[in-house]
Amino acid sequence: MRRRQLWSPCPLPSAPLALLLAFLPACGERDAAAAAALVPCLAATSDYLPIAPADEFPQGGRWLCATFRLGPGESGKVLTHVWTAVDVGDQAPPNHEIARGDLDLLERARGRLTYSQDVPLPAGTYRLDVAIDGRPWRSARLRVVPDPALPALASARELVPLVEGVHWEYGFESTPAGGAAARHAVRVEVGKDSADGTHLRFLRDGVLVHEEWWRAGAEGVSATRRRTGDGKEHVLEPPQLLLPFPAGPLRRWSYTSRDGSIRQECVAFGPRPVRGPEGEAPGYVVVILDRSGPEVVSSERHFLPRFGLVREEIVHTRGGGRVLLQTMQVRPADGTTR
């Protein structure tokens, strides 16, 4: 991988810039059959498929993102990507290039391109141009828009109702690479409060498989303790932030457990449309990238304020290929019972 000089064009705000590049080699027939694509999105899975495809980005996020995927028969040595501020008013001249970089493709067919800076991007229109070995390949238009208004929530407890007696019903599906999907019914029950937080019980097909203790505090909703199905206890020190408060418009944070066994990079988007049991409503999407073990795991969680988790998608990759996909979706007819 090679990077060219990056700069912040005057009169755009002067700030350090970062161009984050990630790649994945071509792997499997599913990729060979996929069409070429350059997709603006808020984030990407651990195997670099787009999460929350969108061409609008909030100013508070301070970055632009897209995933790329080469089509059948496409290859090359170098992928060049150029970021341009097309129209940002009086903040920069029209069609002003703000960054570019070169990627050594080798056998890679998929990846993520992200431009970021330390101060908010000016509102307006941007463009990402991608070329392979000097030949134009794909372009994408992106817009930076003012941050959305945040819901009037008094505390983190309004993000997730940690009230004894509340429960959620989900459909759960686990699909290994090359295998058939296994489907289950999942029920999450909210129990009593304790010094560790509020007790949650996770049941799969009626069998208790997992327990957690969540605490809603000034920073947001955090997990403090876990108990796995085999009875092993895990105290999370420091507590593991699951959903920040306030949650938007775009928040980034890192989590490393004191013993180093958990290492995560996290981002929360919103408010943005989230589909719940009664249709779409303003909510939050939290994306977590975990590199703690031999597998890279990305988690995408959708929350609705005053309701809780409505969807979770977890992707496991190893050696550049997807090995497991797990999805959990709230059941529309059930919702919560209080």
Protein backbone atom coordinates (compact mmCIF):
# COMPACT_ATOMS: atom_id res chain seq x y z
CA MET A 1 0.00 0.00 0.00
CA ARG A 2 1.29 3.50 -0.86
CA ARG A 3 -0.07 6.82 0.33
CA ARG A 4 0.49 10.16 -1.28
CA GLN A 5 0.67 13.45 0.53
CA LEU A 6 -2.61 14.50 2.14
CA TRP A 7 -3.54 18.11 2.72
CA SER A 8 -6.36 20.35 3.89
CA PRO A 9 -7.01 22.95 1.19
CA CYS A 10 -7.32 26.56 2.29
CA PRO A 11 -9.85 27.91 3.20
CA LEU A 12 -11.11 24.57 4.48
CA PRO A 13 -10.37 24.32 8.25
CA SER A 14 -6.71 23.55 8.79
CA ALA A 15 -6.43 20.21 10.65
CA PRO A 16 -4.56 16.91 10.60
CA LEU A 17 -6.04 14.49 8.07
CA ALA A 18 -6.24 10.73 8.07
CA LEU A 19 -6.97 8.42 5.14
CA LEU A 20 -7.96 5.02 6.49
CA LEU A 21 -7.55 2.14 4.08
CA ALA A 22 -8.65 -1.45 4.50
CA PHE A 23 -8.60 -4.36 2.08
CA LEU A 24 -9.84 -7.88 1.67
CA PRO A 25 -8.68 -10.45 -0.92
CA ALA A 26 -11.17 -11.99 -3.28
CA CYS A 27 -12.65 -15.06 -1.62
CA GLY A 28 -15.20 -17.54 -2.85
CA GLU A 29 -17.82 -17.81 -5.56
CA ARG A 30 -20.07 -15.24 -3.90
CA ASP A 31 -17.49 -12.53 -4.60
CA ALA A 32 -16.74 -13.77 -8.11
CA ALA A 33 -20.42 -13.40 -9.02
CA ALA A 34 -20.82 -9.96 -7.46
CA ALA A 35 -21.03 -6.88 -9.65
CA ALA A 36 -18.50 -4.08 -9.38
CA ALA A 37 -19.56 -1.37 -6.97
CA LEU A 38 -18.44 1.79 -5.18
CA VAL A 39 -20.92 2.38 -2.35
CA PRO A 40 -20.94 5.38 0.00
CA CYS A 41 -21.84 4.13 3.48
CA LEU A 42 -21.56 5.03 7.14
CA ALA A 43 -19.40 1.99 7.99
CA ALA A 44 -18.36 -1.48 6.78
CA THR A 45 -18.48 -5.06 8.03
CA SER A 46 -15.32 -6.95 8.89
CA ASP A 47 -15.36 -8.34 5.33
CA TYR A 48 -15.88 -4.85 3.89
CA LEU A 49 -19.48 -4.91 2.78
CA PRO A 50 -21.33 -1.61 3.32
CA ILE A 51 -23.23 -0.89 6.54
CA ALA A 52 -26.01 1.72 6.31
CA PRO A 53 -25.45 2.70 2.65
CA ALA A 54 -26.02 6.46 2.40
CA ASP A 55 -24.75 9.39 0.39
CA GLU A 56 -25.43 11.89 3.21
CA PHE A 57 -23.00 12.30 6.12
CA PRO A 58 -23.45 14.52 9.21
CA GLN A 59 -20.97 17.33 9.79
CA GLY A 60 -20.25 16.06 13.30
CA GLY A 61 -18.90 12.81 11.88
CA ARG A 62 -15.96 14.56 10.22
CA TRP A 63 -15.42 11.79 7.70
CA LEU A 64 -16.60 10.27 4.41
CA CYS A 65 -16.65 6.54 3.70
CA ALA A 66 -17.24 4.15 0.81
CA THR A 67 -16.64 0.48 0.09
CA PHE A 68 -15.33 -0.77 -3.24
CA ARG A 69 -15.70 -4.16 -4.90
CA LEU A 70 -14.12 -5.17 -8.20
CA GLY A 71 -16.30 -7.06 -10.65
CA PRO A 72 -15.68 -10.34 -12.48
CA GLY A 73 -12.54 -10.12 -14.57
CA GLU A 74 -11.48 -6.80 -13.12
CA SER A 75 -7.97 -6.51 -11.74
CA GLY A 76 -5.05 -4.17 -11.62
CA LYS A 77 -1.92 -3.23 -9.73
CA VAL A 78 -2.80 0.19 -8.28
CA LEU A 79 -6.12 1.68 -7.22
CA THR A 80 -6.06 5.49 -7.03
CA HIS A 81 -8.72 7.33 -5.04
CA VAL A 82 -9.28 11.08 -5.13
CA TRP A 83 -11.53 13.06 -2.76
CA THR A 84 -12.88 16.38 -4.07
CA ALA A 85 -14.91 19.16 -2.45
CA VAL A 86 -17.24 19.90 -5.36
CA ASP A 87 -19.32 22.69 -3.81
CA VAL A 88 -18.84 23.78 -0.19
CA GLY A 89 -19.80 27.42 -0.62
CA ASP A 90 -17.14 29.94 0.35
CA GLN A 91 -15.13 27.32 2.30
CA ALA A 92 -13.12 26.24 -0.75
CA PRO A 93 -13.00 26.84 -4.52
CA PRO A 94 -15.34 24.63 -6.62
CA ASN A 95 -13.98 21.16 -7.45
CA HIS A 96 -11.08 21.49 -5.01
CA GLU A 97 -9.12 18.26 -4.48
CA ILE A 98 -8.63 17.59 -0.76
CA ALA A 99 -6.87 14.22 -0.69
CA ARG A 100 -5.67 11.33 -2.82
CA GLY A 101 -3.94 8.00 -2.31
CA ASP A 102 -2.70 4.89 -4.08
CA LEU A 103 -3.43 1.31 -3.03
CA ASP A 104 -1.39 -1.68 -4.16
CA LEU A 105 -4.18 -4.07 -5.11
CA LEU A 106 -2.21 -7.29 -5.55
CA GLU A 107 -4.99 -9.93 -5.40
CA ARG A 108 -7.38 -7.75 -3.38
CA ALA A 109 -10.86 -7.25 -4.77
CA ARG A 110 -12.70 -5.45 -1.99
CA GLY A 111 -12.01 -2.80 0.63
CA ARG A 112 -13.00 0.43 2.36
CA LEU A 113 -11.93 4.02 1.64
CA THR A 114 -12.34 6.65 4.35
CA TYR A 115 -11.40 10.32 4.41
CA SER A 116 -11.40 12.07 7.80
CA GLN A 117 -10.22 15.26 9.45
CA ASP A 118 -10.13 16.65 12.98
CA VAL A 119 -12.66 19.44 12.43
CA PRO A 120 -16.17 19.26 10.95
CA LEU A 121 -16.34 19.04 7.16
CA PRO A 122 -18.09 22.01 5.53
CA ALA A 123 -21.64 21.24 4.45
CA GLY A 124 -21.93 20.71 0.72
CA THR A 125 -21.23 18.26 -2.10
CA TYR A 126 -18.18 15.99 -2.42
CA ARG A 127 -17.01 13.41 -4.96
CA LEU A 128 -14.89 10.26 -4.75
CA ASP A 129 -13.15 9.24 -7.99
CA VAL A 130 -11.49 5.84 -8.26
CA ALA A 131 -9.12 4.72 -11.02
CA ILE A 132 -7.30 1.42 -11.60
CA ASP A 133 -3.85 1.63 -13.17
CA GLY A 134 -4.67 5.17 -14.29
CA ARG A 135 -7.97 4.25 -15.97
CA PRO A 136 -11.18 5.75 -14.52
CA TRP A 137 -13.22 3.04 -12.76
CA ARG A 138 -16.05 4.43 -10.60
CA SER A 139 -17.16 7.71 -9.07
CA ALA A 140 -19.57 8.49 -6.24
CA ARG A 141 -21.25 11.69 -5.08
CA LEU A 142 -21.52 12.36 -1.35
CA ARG A 143 -23.11 15.16 0.67
CA VAL A 144 -22.26 16.57 4.08
CA VAL A 145 -25.37 17.93 5.78
CA PRO A 146 -25.99 19.73 9.11
CA ASP A 147 -26.25 17.41 12.09
CA PRO A 148 -29.82 16.21 12.78
CA ALA A 149 -31.68 17.39 15.86
CA LEU A 150 -31.32 15.00 18.78
CA PRO A 151 -34.39 13.58 20.54
CA ALA A 152 -35.16 15.15 23.90
CA LEU A 153 -34.07 12.31 26.17
CA ALA A 154 -33.61 13.00 29.86
CA SER A 155 -31.18 10.15 30.58
CA ALA A 156 -29.55 7.01 29.19
CA ARG A 157 -32.40 4.94 30.67
CA GLU A 158 -34.60 6.38 27.92
CA LEU A 159 -32.30 4.84 25.31
CA VAL A 160 -32.87 1.31 26.65
CA PRO A 161 -35.71 0.70 29.16
CA LEU A 162 -33.85 -1.23 31.86
CA VAL A 163 -37.01 -1.84 33.89
CA GLU A 164 -37.75 -5.12 35.62
CA GLY A 165 -40.38 -7.08 33.71
CA VAL A 166 -39.57 -5.69 30.27
CA HIS A 167 -38.74 -8.35 27.69
CA TRP A 168 -38.00 -8.51 23.97
CA GLU A 169 -38.69 -11.34 21.48
CA TYR A 170 -36.40 -11.89 18.48
CA GLY A 171 -35.91 -14.17 15.54
CA PHE A 172 -32.29 -15.39 15.44
CA GLU A 173 -30.43 -16.89 12.47
CA SER A 174 -26.87 -18.27 12.36
CA THR A 175 -25.31 -19.01 8.95
CA PRO A 176 -21.80 -20.53 8.66
CA ALA A 177 -19.88 -20.06 5.42
CA GLY A 178 -21.05 -22.67 2.93
CA GLY A 179 -23.59 -24.09 5.39
CA ALA A 180 -27.31 -23.94 6.04
CA ALA A 181 -28.86 -21.37 8.36
CA ALA A 182 -29.99 -22.42 11.83
CA ARG A 183 -33.00 -20.52 13.17
CA HIS A 184 -34.03 -19.99 16.78
CA ALA A 185 -36.33 -17.90 18.94
CA VAL A 186 -34.55 -15.55 21.37
CA ARG A 187 -36.07 -13.87 24.40
CA VAL A 188 -34.27 -11.22 26.45
CA GLU A 189 -35.66 -10.57 29.92
CA VAL A 190 -34.91 -7.59 32.19
CA GLY A 191 -34.52 -8.52 35.85
CA LYS A 192 -33.64 -6.78 39.08
CA ASP A 193 -31.18 -3.96 39.72
CA SER A 194 -28.02 -4.63 41.73
CA ALA A 195 -24.67 -3.04 42.46
CA ASP A 196 -23.47 -4.38 39.06
CA GLY A 197 -26.41 -2.88 37.17
CA THR A 198 -29.61 -4.35 35.77
CA HIS A 199 -29.70 -8.11 35.21
CA LEU A 200 -30.55 -9.33 31.68
CA ARG A 201 -31.23 -12.99 30.82
CA PHE A 202 -30.82 -14.25 27.23
CA LEU A 203 -32.82 -17.38 26.37
CA ARG A 204 -32.62 -19.32 23.10
CA ASP A 205 -35.59 -21.58 22.40
CA GLY A 206 -36.47 -21.26 26.08
CA VAL A 207 -33.01 -22.26 27.37
CA LEU A 208 -30.86 -19.77 29.30
CA VAL A 209 -27.63 -19.28 27.31
CA HIS A 210 -26.21 -15.98 28.54
CA GLU A 211 -26.56 -13.31 31.23
CA GLU A 212 -25.40 -9.73 31.37
CA TRP A 213 -25.57 -6.78 33.75
CA TRP A 214 -26.12 -3.36 32.13
CA ARG A 215 -25.83 0.04 33.78
CA ALA A 216 -27.36 3.29 32.49
CA GLY A 217 -25.20 6.21 33.62
CA ALA A 218 -24.04 9.66 32.59
CA GLU A 219 -21.90 8.30 29.71
CA GLY A 220 -24.58 5.96 28.34
CA VAL A 221 -25.52 2.29 28.61
CA SER A 222 -22.61 0.01 29.58
CA ALA A 223 -22.13 -3.70 30.30
CA THR A 224 -20.41 -4.39 33.63
CA ARG A 225 -20.52 -8.17 33.92
CA ARG A 226 -21.27 -11.32 31.87
CA ARG A 227 -22.02 -14.94 32.69
CA THR A 228 -21.81 -17.47 29.85
CA GLY A 229 -23.91 -20.58 29.49
CA ASP A 230 -21.19 -22.72 31.08
CA GLY A 231 -21.34 -20.56 34.22
CA LYS A 232 -18.10 -18.64 33.68
CA GLU A 233 -18.11 -15.09 35.06
CA HIS A 234 -16.51 -12.13 33.28
CA VAL A 235 -16.24 -8.80 35.11
CA LEU A 236 -15.85 -6.02 32.54
CA GLU A 237 -13.27 -3.61 33.90
CA PRO A 238 -13.69 -0.86 32.95
CA PRO A 239 -17.40 -1.15 32.04
CA GLN A 240 -17.92 -1.70 28.31
CA LEU A 241 -19.85 1.17 26.71
CA LEU A 242 -22.62 -0.19 24.45
CA LEU A 243 -24.53 2.99 23.54
CA PRO A 244 -23.29 6.50 24.42
CA PHE A 245 -25.48 9.27 25.81
CA PRO A 246 -26.25 11.48 24.08
CA ALA A 247 -25.87 9.08 21.20
CA GLY A 248 -25.58 11.36 18.20
CA PRO A 249 -25.03 12.67 15.68
CA LEU A 250 -21.91 10.56 15.37
CA ARG A 251 -19.71 9.32 18.21
CA ARG A 252 -16.48 7.30 18.09
CA TRP A 253 -14.74 5.56 20.96
CA SER A 254 -12.35 2.71 21.73
CA TYR A 255 -12.66 0.02 24.37
CA THR A 256 -9.84 -2.08 25.81
CA SER A 257 -10.42 -4.23 28.86
CA ARG A 258 -7.90 -3.91 31.66
CA ASP A 259 -6.54 -7.42 31.01
CA GLY A 260 -6.28 -6.72 27.26
CA SER A 261 -8.58 -9.58 26.29
CA ILE A 262 -11.07 -7.24 24.57
CA ARG A 263 -10.03 -4.61 22.01
CA GLN A 264 -12.73 -2.78 20.11
CA GLU A 265 -13.25 0.27 17.92
CA CYS A 266 -16.80 1.64 18.08
CA VAL A 267 -18.95 4.26 16.38
CA ALA A 268 -22.58 5.33 16.92
CA PHE A 269 -24.63 7.02 14.17
CA GLY A 270 -27.90 8.82 14.53
CA PRO A 271 -30.58 9.71 14.79
CA ARG A 272 -31.27 7.93 11.50
CA PRO A 273 -34.17 5.75 10.29
CA VAL A 274 -34.27 2.44 12.15
CA ARG A 275 -36.90 -0.21 11.49
CA GLY A 276 -38.68 -1.33 14.64
CA PRO A 277 -41.75 -3.45 15.38
CA GLU A 278 -44.08 -0.64 14.24
CA GLY A 279 -42.12 0.54 11.21
CA GLU A 280 -39.35 3.10 10.78
CA ALA A 281 -38.56 5.68 13.45
CA PRO A 282 -35.50 7.81 14.41
CA GLY A 283 -32.94 5.62 16.16
CA TYR A 284 -29.25 4.82 16.42
CA VAL A 285 -26.85 2.39 14.70
CA VAL A 286 -23.80 1.24 16.66
CA VAL A 287 -20.94 -0.50 14.80
CA ILE A 288 -18.24 -2.36 16.73
CA LEU A 289 -15.06 -3.83 15.21
CA ASP A 290 -13.40 -6.39 17.49
CA ARG A 291 -9.88 -7.67 16.79
CA SER A 292 -9.41 -9.40 20.16
CA GLY A 293 -9.09 -12.97 18.88
CA PRO A 294 -8.09 -14.96 15.80
CA GLU A 295 -11.29 -13.81 14.08
CA VAL A 296 -12.16 -10.22 13.22
CA VAL A 297 -15.74 -9.61 14.33
CA SER A 298 -17.97 -6.70 13.32
CA SER A 299 -21.27 -6.06 15.11
CA GLU A 300 -24.03 -3.79 13.84
CA ARG A 301 -26.74 -2.95 16.40
CA HIS A 302 -29.88 -0.88 15.84
CA PHE A 303 -31.55 0.83 18.81
CA LEU A 304 -34.82 2.73 19.14
CA PRO A 305 -35.04 5.18 22.06
CA ARG A 306 -37.50 4.09 24.77
CA PHE A 307 -37.64 0.63 23.15
CA GLY A 308 -34.14 -0.85 23.03
CA LEU A 309 -32.32 -3.16 20.61
CA VAL A 310 -34.33 -3.97 17.47
CA ARG A 311 -31.66 -5.60 15.28
CA GLU A 312 -28.17 -7.05 15.55
CA GLU A 313 -25.95 -8.41 12.77
CA ILE A 314 -22.58 -9.99 13.59
CA VAL A 315 -20.00 -10.98 10.94
CA HIS A 316 -17.01 -13.22 11.76
CA THR A 317 -14.05 -13.28 9.36
CA ARG A 318 -10.83 -15.27 9.46
CA GLY A 319 -7.90 -14.91 7.08
CA GLY A 320 -9.87 -12.50 4.90
CA GLY A 321 -13.00 -14.63 4.45
CA ARG A 322 -16.39 -14.65 6.13
CA VAL A 323 -16.88 -17.70 8.34
CA LEU A 324 -20.13 -16.88 10.17
CA LEU A 325 -23.08 -14.49 9.94
CA GLN A 326 -25.50 -14.08 12.86
CA THR A 327 -28.59 -11.90 12.72
CA MET A 328 -31.22 -11.12 15.34
CA GLN A 329 -34.37 -9.13 14.51
CA VAL A 330 -37.12 -8.10 16.90
CA ARG A 331 -40.46 -9.75 16.13
CA PRO A 332 -42.93 -7.13 14.87
CA ALA A 333 -45.94 -8.69 16.57
CA ASP A 334 -44.35 -8.94 19.99
CA GLY A 335 -42.26 -5.87 20.85
CA THR A 336 -41.84 -5.40 24.58
CA THR A 337 -44.02 -6.34 27.50
CA ARG A 338 -43.88 -4.19 30.59
